Amino acid sequence: MDNKILLKINGMSCNGCAMNVQRALKSVAGVNSAEVDLASKTAIVFFDGPAPTIKALTDAVKKAGYEALPAA
């Protein structure tokens, strides 16, 4: 079973933005998949084994032009 990390994403305004964020998250080592929801402005990152760091995830999203924060 995959483990998951929930992130809040800021700066998305369309489905293309959501796809860009999804691609950025999936590029991080250790990430199996990512689901980005434009309506709720959230992303769920799924992984097996050691968790990718929050910094690696937020940096990847920032490089794509958006902001990611750990969700409460």
PDB file of N, CA and C in Angstrom:
ATOM      1  N   MET A   1       0.845  -1.197   0.000  1.00  0.00           N
ATOM      2  CA  MET A   1       0.000   0.000   0.000  1.00  0.00           C
ATOM      3  C   MET A   1       0.885   1.253   0.000  1.00  0.00           C
ATOM      4  N   ASP A   2       0.522   2.188  -0.813  1.00  0.00           N
ATOM      5  CA  ASP A   2       1.285   3.436  -0.893  1.00  0.00           C
ATOM      6  C   ASP A   2       1.069   4.289   0.352  1.00  0.00           C
ATOM      7  N   ASN A   3       2.098   5.007   0.707  1.00  0.00           N
ATOM      8  CA  ASN A   3       1.978   6.059   1.711  1.00  0.00           C
ATOM      9  C   ASN A   3       1.676   7.334   0.954  1.00  0.00           C
ATOM     10  N   LYS A   4       1.207   8.356   1.665  1.00  0.00           N
ATOM     11  CA  LYS A   4       0.870   9.586   0.953  1.00  0.00           C
ATOM     12  C   LYS A   4       1.188  10.825   1.768  1.00  0.00           C
ATOM     13  N   ILE A   5       1.394  11.915   1.043  1.00  0.00           N
ATOM     14  CA  ILE A   5       1.626  13.238   1.608  1.00  0.00           C
ATOM     15  C   ILE A   5       0.611  14.174   0.953  1.00  0.00           C
ATOM     16  N   LEU A   6      -0.051  14.989   1.761  1.00  0.00           N
ATOM     17  CA  LEU A   6      -1.029  15.953   1.255  1.00  0.00           C
ATOM     18  C   LEU A   6      -0.401  17.339   1.248  1.00  0.00           C
ATOM     19  N   LEU A   7      -0.524  18.016   0.119  1.00  0.00           N
ATOM     20  CA  LEU A   7       0.012  19.365  -0.026  1.00  0.00           C
ATOM     21  C   LEU A   7      -1.093  20.327  -0.440  1.00  0.00           C
ATOM     22  N   LYS A   8      -0.981  21.567  -0.013  1.00  0.00           N
ATOM     23  CA  LYS A   8      -1.838  22.658  -0.471  1.00  0.00           C
ATOM     24  C   LYS A   8      -1.061  23.368  -1.578  1.00  0.00           C
ATOM     25  N   ILE A   9      -1.713  23.606  -2.718  1.00  0.00           N
ATOM     26  CA  ILE A   9      -1.043  24.222  -3.865  1.00  0.00           C
ATOM     27  C   ILE A   9      -1.663  25.591  -4.137  1.00  0.00           C
ATOM     28  N   ASN A  10      -0.825  26.598  -4.233  1.00  0.00           N
ATOM     29  CA  ASN A  10      -1.281  27.953  -4.552  1.00  0.00           C
ATOM     30  C   ASN A  10      -0.793  28.344  -5.941  1.00  0.00           C
ATOM     31  N   GLY A  11      -1.610  29.134  -6.642  1.00  0.00           N
ATOM     32  CA  GLY A  11      -1.203  29.677  -7.931  1.00  0.00           C
ATOM     33  C   GLY A  11      -1.793  28.966  -9.136  1.00  0.00           C
ATOM     34  N   MET A  12      -2.574  27.904  -8.925  1.00  0.00           N
ATOM     35  CA  MET A  12      -3.182  27.194 -10.063  1.00  0.00           C
ATOM     36  C   MET A  12      -4.479  27.897 -10.459  1.00  0.00           C
ATOM     37  N   SER A  13      -4.675  28.041 -11.775  1.00  0.00           N
ATOM     38  CA  SER A  13      -5.908  28.676 -12.244  1.00  0.00           C
ATOM     39  C   SER A  13      -6.618  27.868 -13.333  1.00  0.00           C
ATOM     40  N   CYS A  14      -6.000  26.768 -13.797  1.00  0.00           N
ATOM     41  CA  CYS A  14      -6.620  25.981 -14.858  1.00  0.00           C
ATOM     42  C   CYS A  14      -6.134  24.535 -14.794  1.00  0.00           C
ATOM     43  N   ASN A  15      -6.736  23.691 -15.623  1.00  0.00           N
ATOM     44  CA  ASN A  15      -6.328  22.285 -15.653  1.00  0.00           C
ATOM     45  C   ASN A  15      -4.884  22.119 -16.117  1.00  0.00           C
ATOM     46  N   GLY A  16      -4.438  23.004 -16.983  1.00  0.00           N
ATOM     47  CA  GLY A  16      -3.044  22.960 -17.423  1.00  0.00           C
ATOM     48  C   GLY A  16      -2.098  23.187 -16.253  1.00  0.00           C
ATOM     49  N   CYS A  17      -2.465  24.096 -15.358  1.00  0.00           N
ATOM     50  CA  CYS A  17      -1.661  24.337 -14.158  1.00  0.00           C
ATOM     51  C   CYS A  17      -1.594  23.069 -13.312  1.00  0.00           C
ATOM     52  N   ALA A  18      -2.732  22.438 -13.127  1.00  0.00           N
ATOM     53  CA  ALA A  18      -2.786  21.213 -12.328  1.00  0.00           C
ATOM     54  C   ALA A  18      -1.901  20.129 -12.946  1.00  0.00           C
ATOM     55  N   MET A  19      -1.907  20.019 -14.264  1.00  0.00           N
ATOM     56  CA  MET A  19      -1.061  19.029 -14.937  1.00  0.00           C
ATOM     57  C   MET A  19       0.420  19.362 -14.751  1.00  0.00           C
ATOM     58  N   ASN A  20       0.770  20.652 -14.804  1.00  0.00           N
ATOM     59  CA  ASN A  20       2.160  21.064 -14.582  1.00  0.00           C
ATOM     60  C   ASN A  20       2.623  20.689 -13.179  1.00  0.00           C
ATOM     61  N   VAL A  21       1.764  20.923 -12.188  1.00  0.00           N
ATOM     62  CA  VAL A  21       2.096  20.578 -10.810  1.00  0.00           C
ATOM     63  C   VAL A  21       2.239  19.067 -10.675  1.00  0.00           C
ATOM     64  N   GLN A  22       1.327  18.328 -11.288  1.00  0.00           N
ATOM     65  CA  GLN A  22       1.383  16.872 -11.218  1.00  0.00           C
ATOM     66  C   GLN A  22       2.695  16.351 -11.811  1.00  0.00           C
ATOM     67  N   ARG A  23       3.084  16.864 -12.967  1.00  0.00           N
ATOM     68  CA  ARG A  23       4.336  16.466 -13.607  1.00  0.00           C
ATOM     69  C   ARG A  23       5.533  16.784 -12.708  1.00  0.00           C
ATOM     70  N   ALA A  24       5.505  17.968 -12.101  1.00  0.00           N
ATOM     71  CA  ALA A  24       6.614  18.380 -11.231  1.00  0.00           C
ATOM     72  C   ALA A  24       6.732  17.438 -10.035  1.00  0.00           C
ATOM     73  N   LEU A  25       5.612  17.091  -9.430  1.00  0.00           N
ATOM     74  CA  LEU A  25       5.640  16.201  -8.270  1.00  0.00           C
ATOM     75  C   LEU A  25       6.119  14.803  -8.653  1.00  0.00           C
ATOM     76  N   LYS A  26       5.669  14.320  -9.802  1.00  0.00           N
ATOM     77  CA  LYS A  26       6.056  12.978 -10.240  1.00  0.00           C
ATOM     78  C   LYS A  26       7.541  12.897 -10.594  1.00  0.00           C
ATOM     79  N   SER A  27       8.186  14.042 -10.833  1.00  0.00           N
ATOM     80  CA  SER A  27       9.604  14.051 -11.168  1.00  0.00           C
ATOM     81  C   SER A  27      10.499  13.879  -9.942  1.00  0.00           C
ATOM     82  N   VAL A  28       9.931  13.991  -8.747  1.00  0.00           N
ATOM     83  CA  VAL A  28      10.714  13.881  -7.509  1.00  0.00           C
ATOM     84  C   VAL A  28      11.017  12.404  -7.236  1.00  0.00           C
ATOM     85  N   ALA A  29      12.261  12.113  -6.901  1.00  0.00           N
ATOM     86  CA  ALA A  29      12.679  10.739  -6.610  1.00  0.00           C
ATOM     87  C   ALA A  29      11.835  10.148  -5.485  1.00  0.00           C
ATOM     88  N   GLY A  30      11.361   8.925  -5.708  1.00  0.00           N
ATOM     89  CA  GLY A  30      10.577   8.229  -4.698  1.00  0.00           C
ATOM     90  C   GLY A  30       9.079   8.372  -4.863  1.00  0.00           C
ATOM     91  N   VAL A  31       8.636   9.311  -5.703  1.00  0.00           N
ATOM     92  CA  VAL A  31       7.197   9.520  -5.904  1.00  0.00           C
ATOM     93  C   VAL A  31       6.688   8.498  -6.915  1.00  0.00           C
ATOM     94  N   ASN A  32       5.653   7.733  -6.526  1.00  0.00           N
ATOM     95  CA  ASN A  32       5.030   6.775  -7.440  1.00  0.00           C
ATOM     96  C   ASN A  32       4.012   7.470  -8.336  1.00  0.00           C
ATOM     97  N   SER A  33       3.196   8.325  -7.730  1.00  0.00           N
ATOM     98  CA  SER A  33       2.182   9.046  -8.493  1.00  0.00           C
ATOM     99  C   SER A  33       1.747  10.261  -7.691  1.00  0.00           C
ATOM    100  N   ALA A  34       1.026  11.144  -8.374  1.00  0.00           N
ATOM    101  CA  ALA A  34       0.509  12.349  -7.732  1.00  0.00           C
ATOM    102  C   ALA A  34      -0.851  12.663  -8.328  1.00  0.00           C
ATOM    103  N   GLU A  35      -1.775  13.061  -7.468  1.00  0.00           N
ATOM    104  CA  GLU A  35      -3.104  13.489  -7.901  1.00  0.00           C
ATOM    105  C   GLU A  35      -3.280  14.933  -7.486  1.00  0.00           C
ATOM    106  N   VAL A  36      -3.574  15.797  -8.453  1.00  0.00           N
ATOM    107  CA  VAL A  36      -3.746  17.214  -8.182  1.00  0.00           C
ATOM    108  C   VAL A  36      -5.192  17.586  -8.449  1.00  0.00           C
ATOM    109  N   ASP A  37      -5.807  18.264  -7.487  1.00  0.00           N
ATOM    110  CA  ASP A  37      -7.206  18.670  -7.596  1.00  0.00           C
ATOM    111  C   ASP A  37      -7.266  20.187  -7.685  1.00  0.00           C
ATOM    112  N   LEU A  38      -7.624  20.687  -8.859  1.00  0.00           N
ATOM    113  CA  LEU A  38      -7.691  22.125  -9.086  1.00  0.00           C
ATOM    114  C   LEU A  38      -8.726  22.785  -8.179  1.00  0.00           C
ATOM    115  N   ALA A  39      -9.896  22.168  -8.021  1.00  0.00           N
ATOM    116  CA  ALA A  39     -10.984  22.766  -7.245  1.00  0.00           C
ATOM    117  C   ALA A  39     -10.605  22.973  -5.781  1.00  0.00           C
ATOM    118  N   SER A  40      -9.957  21.981  -5.181  1.00  0.00           N
ATOM    119  CA  SER A  40      -9.592  22.091  -3.759  1.00  0.00           C
ATOM    120  C   SER A  40      -8.179  22.639  -3.567  1.00  0.00           C
ATOM    121  N   LYS A  41      -7.455  22.845  -4.693  1.00  0.00           N
ATOM    122  CA  LYS A  41      -6.082  23.354  -4.648  1.00  0.00           C
ATOM    123  C   LYS A  41      -5.196  22.474  -3.764  1.00  0.00           C
ATOM    124  N   THR A  42      -5.341  21.156  -3.937  1.00  0.00           N
ATOM    125  CA  THR A  42      -4.534  20.212  -3.167  1.00  0.00           C
ATOM    126  C   THR A  42      -3.870  19.203  -4.094  1.00  0.00           C
ATOM    127  N   ALA A  43      -2.847  18.573  -3.551  1.00  0.00           N
ATOM    128  CA  ALA A  43      -2.171  17.480  -4.248  1.00  0.00           C
ATOM    129  C   ALA A  43      -1.922  16.366  -3.243  1.00  0.00           C
ATOM    130  N   ILE A  44      -2.124  15.139  -3.688  1.00  0.00           N
ATOM    131  CA  ILE A  44      -1.780  13.977  -2.889  1.00  0.00           C
ATOM    132  C   ILE A  44      -0.637  13.283  -3.616  1.00  0.00           C
ATOM    133  N   VAL A  45       0.464  13.102  -2.898  1.00  0.00           N
ATOM    134  CA  VAL A  45       1.649  12.458  -3.448  1.00  0.00           C
ATOM    135  C   VAL A  45       1.750  11.069  -2.842  1.00  0.00           C
ATOM    136  N   PHE A  46       1.828  10.047  -3.693  1.00  0.00           N
ATOM    137  CA  PHE A  46       1.910   8.659  -3.238  1.00  0.00           C
ATOM    138  C   PHE A  46       3.332   8.141  -3.419  1.00  0.00           C
ATOM    139  N   PHE A  47       3.812   7.380  -2.438  1.00  0.00           N
ATOM    140  CA  PHE A  47       5.169   6.843  -2.495  1.00  0.00           C
ATOM    141  C   PHE A  47       5.247   5.518  -1.746  1.00  0.00           C
ATOM    142  N   ASP A  48       6.225   4.715  -2.118  1.00  0.00           N
ATOM    143  CA  ASP A  48       6.589   3.498  -1.389  1.00  0.00           C
ATOM    144  C   ASP A  48       7.959   3.755  -0.776  1.00  0.00           C
ATOM    145  N   GLY A  49       8.274   3.048   0.273  1.00  0.00           N
ATOM    146  CA  GLY A  49       9.605   3.179   0.855  1.00  0.00           C
ATOM    147  C   GLY A  49       9.805   4.523   1.521  1.00  0.00           C
ATOM    148  N   PRO A  50      11.050   5.009   1.519  1.00  0.00           N
ATOM    149  CA  PRO A  50      11.336   6.281   2.180  1.00  0.00           C
ATOM    150  C   PRO A  50      10.542   7.428   1.553  1.00  0.00           C
ATOM    151  N   ALA A  51      10.004   8.257   2.393  1.00  0.00           N
ATOM    152  CA  ALA A  51       9.200   9.393   1.904  1.00  0.00           C
ATOM    153  C   ALA A  51      10.092  10.435   1.252  1.00  0.00           C
ATOM    154  N   PRO A  52       9.636  11.002   0.132  1.00  0.00           N
ATOM    155  CA  PRO A  52      10.356  12.158  -0.410  1.00  0.00           C
ATOM    156  C   PRO A  52      10.238  13.295   0.607  1.00  0.00           C
ATOM    157  N   THR A  53      11.238  14.136   0.682  1.00  0.00           N
ATOM    158  CA  THR A  53      11.175  15.227   1.651  1.00  0.00           C
ATOM    159  C   THR A  53      10.168  16.284   1.190  1.00  0.00           C
ATOM    160  N   ILE A  54       9.581  16.943   2.166  1.00  0.00           N
ATOM    161  CA  ILE A  54       8.658  18.039   1.845  1.00  0.00           C
ATOM    162  C   ILE A  54       9.402  19.100   1.042  1.00  0.00           C
ATOM    163  N   LYS A  55      10.655  19.347   1.393  1.00  0.00           N
ATOM    164  CA  LYS A  55      11.448  20.347   0.661  1.00  0.00           C
ATOM    165  C   LYS A  55      11.602  19.961  -0.804  1.00  0.00           C
ATOM    166  N   ALA A  56      11.883  18.696  -1.073  1.00  0.00           N
ATOM    167  CA  ALA A  56      12.028  18.259  -2.468  1.00  0.00           C
ATOM    168  C   ALA A  56      10.729  18.462  -3.232  1.00  0.00           C
ATOM    169  N   LEU A  57       9.615  18.157  -2.595  1.00  0.00           N
ATOM    170  CA  LEU A  57       8.310  18.319  -3.245  1.00  0.00           C
ATOM    171  C   LEU A  57       7.985  19.794  -3.473  1.00  0.00           C
ATOM    172  N   THR A  58       8.164  20.618  -2.427  1.00  0.00           N
ATOM    173  CA  THR A  58       7.830  22.036  -2.574  1.00  0.00           C
ATOM    174  C   THR A  58       8.777  22.737  -3.538  1.00  0.00           C
ATOM    175  N   ASP A  59      10.047  22.319  -3.559  1.00  0.00           N
ATOM    176  CA  ASP A  59      10.999  22.907  -4.515  1.00  0.00           C
ATOM    177  C   ASP A  59      10.619  22.567  -5.952  1.00  0.00           C
ATOM    178  N   ALA A  60      10.177  21.330  -6.196  1.00  0.00           N
ATOM    179  CA  ALA A  60       9.773  20.928  -7.552  1.00  0.00           C
ATOM    180  C   ALA A  60       8.570  21.746  -8.013  1.00  0.00           C
ATOM    181  N   VAL A  61       7.620  21.954  -7.113  1.00  0.00           N
ATOM    182  CA  VAL A  61       6.424  22.742  -7.454  1.00  0.00           C
ATOM    183  C   VAL A  61       6.820  24.202  -7.693  1.00  0.00           C
ATOM    184  N   LYS A  62       7.706  24.723  -6.859  1.00  0.00           N
ATOM    185  CA  LYS A  62       8.162  26.111  -7.020  1.00  0.00           C
ATOM    186  C   LYS A  62       8.863  26.297  -8.362  1.00  0.00           C
ATOM    187  N   LYS A  63       9.693  25.316  -8.749  1.00  0.00           N
ATOM    188  CA  LYS A  63      10.398  25.391 -10.028  1.00  0.00           C
ATOM    189  C   LYS A  63       9.408  25.414 -11.199  1.00  0.00           C
ATOM    190  N   ALA A  64       8.233  24.785 -11.009  1.00  0.00           N
ATOM    191  CA  ALA A  64       7.201  24.782 -12.047  1.00  0.00           C
ATOM    192  C   ALA A  64       6.380  26.076 -12.038  1.00  0.00           C
ATOM    193  N   GLY A  65       6.611  26.951 -11.035  1.00  0.00           N
ATOM    194  CA  GLY A  65       5.934  28.246 -11.020  1.00  0.00           C
ATOM    195  C   GLY A  65       4.774  28.364 -10.053  1.00  0.00           C
ATOM    196  N   TYR A  66       4.684  27.455  -9.101  1.00  0.00           N
ATOM    197  CA  TYR A  66       3.567  27.456  -8.141  1.00  0.00           C
ATOM    198  C   TYR A  66       4.124  27.353  -6.733  1.00  0.00           C
ATOM    199  N   GLU A  67       3.251  27.422  -5.742  1.00  0.00           N
ATOM    200  CA  GLU A  67       3.665  27.298  -4.353  1.00  0.00           C
ATOM    201  C   GLU A  67       2.988  26.105  -3.728  1.00  0.00           C
ATOM    202  N   ALA A  68       3.757  25.298  -3.008  1.00  0.00           N
ATOM    203  CA  ALA A  68       3.215  24.138  -2.304  1.00  0.00           C
ATOM    204  C   ALA A  68       3.543  24.263  -0.816  1.00  0.00           C
ATOM    205  N   LEU A  69       2.563  23.939   0.011  1.00  0.00           N
ATOM    206  CA  LEU A  69       2.733  23.960   1.460  1.00  0.00           C
ATOM    207  C   LEU A  69       2.190  22.667   2.036  1.00  0.00           C
ATOM    208  N   PRO A  70       2.788  22.165   3.121  1.00  0.00           N
ATOM    209  CA  PRO A  70       2.212  20.970   3.758  1.00  0.00           C
ATOM    210  C   PRO A  70       0.787  21.277   4.199  1.00  0.00           C
ATOM    211  N   ALA A  71      -0.130  20.377   3.938  1.00  0.00           N
ATOM    212  CA  ALA A  71      -1.515  20.564   4.363  1.00  0.00           C
ATOM    213  C   ALA A  71      -1.664  20.080   5.803  1.00  0.00           C
ATOM    214  N   ALA A  72      -2.494  20.767   6.547  1.00  0.00           N
ATOM    215  CA  ALA A  72      -2.700  20.394   7.957  1.00  0.00           C
ATOM    216  C   ALA A  72      -3.488  19.112   8.093  1.00  0.00           C
TER     217      ALA A  72
END
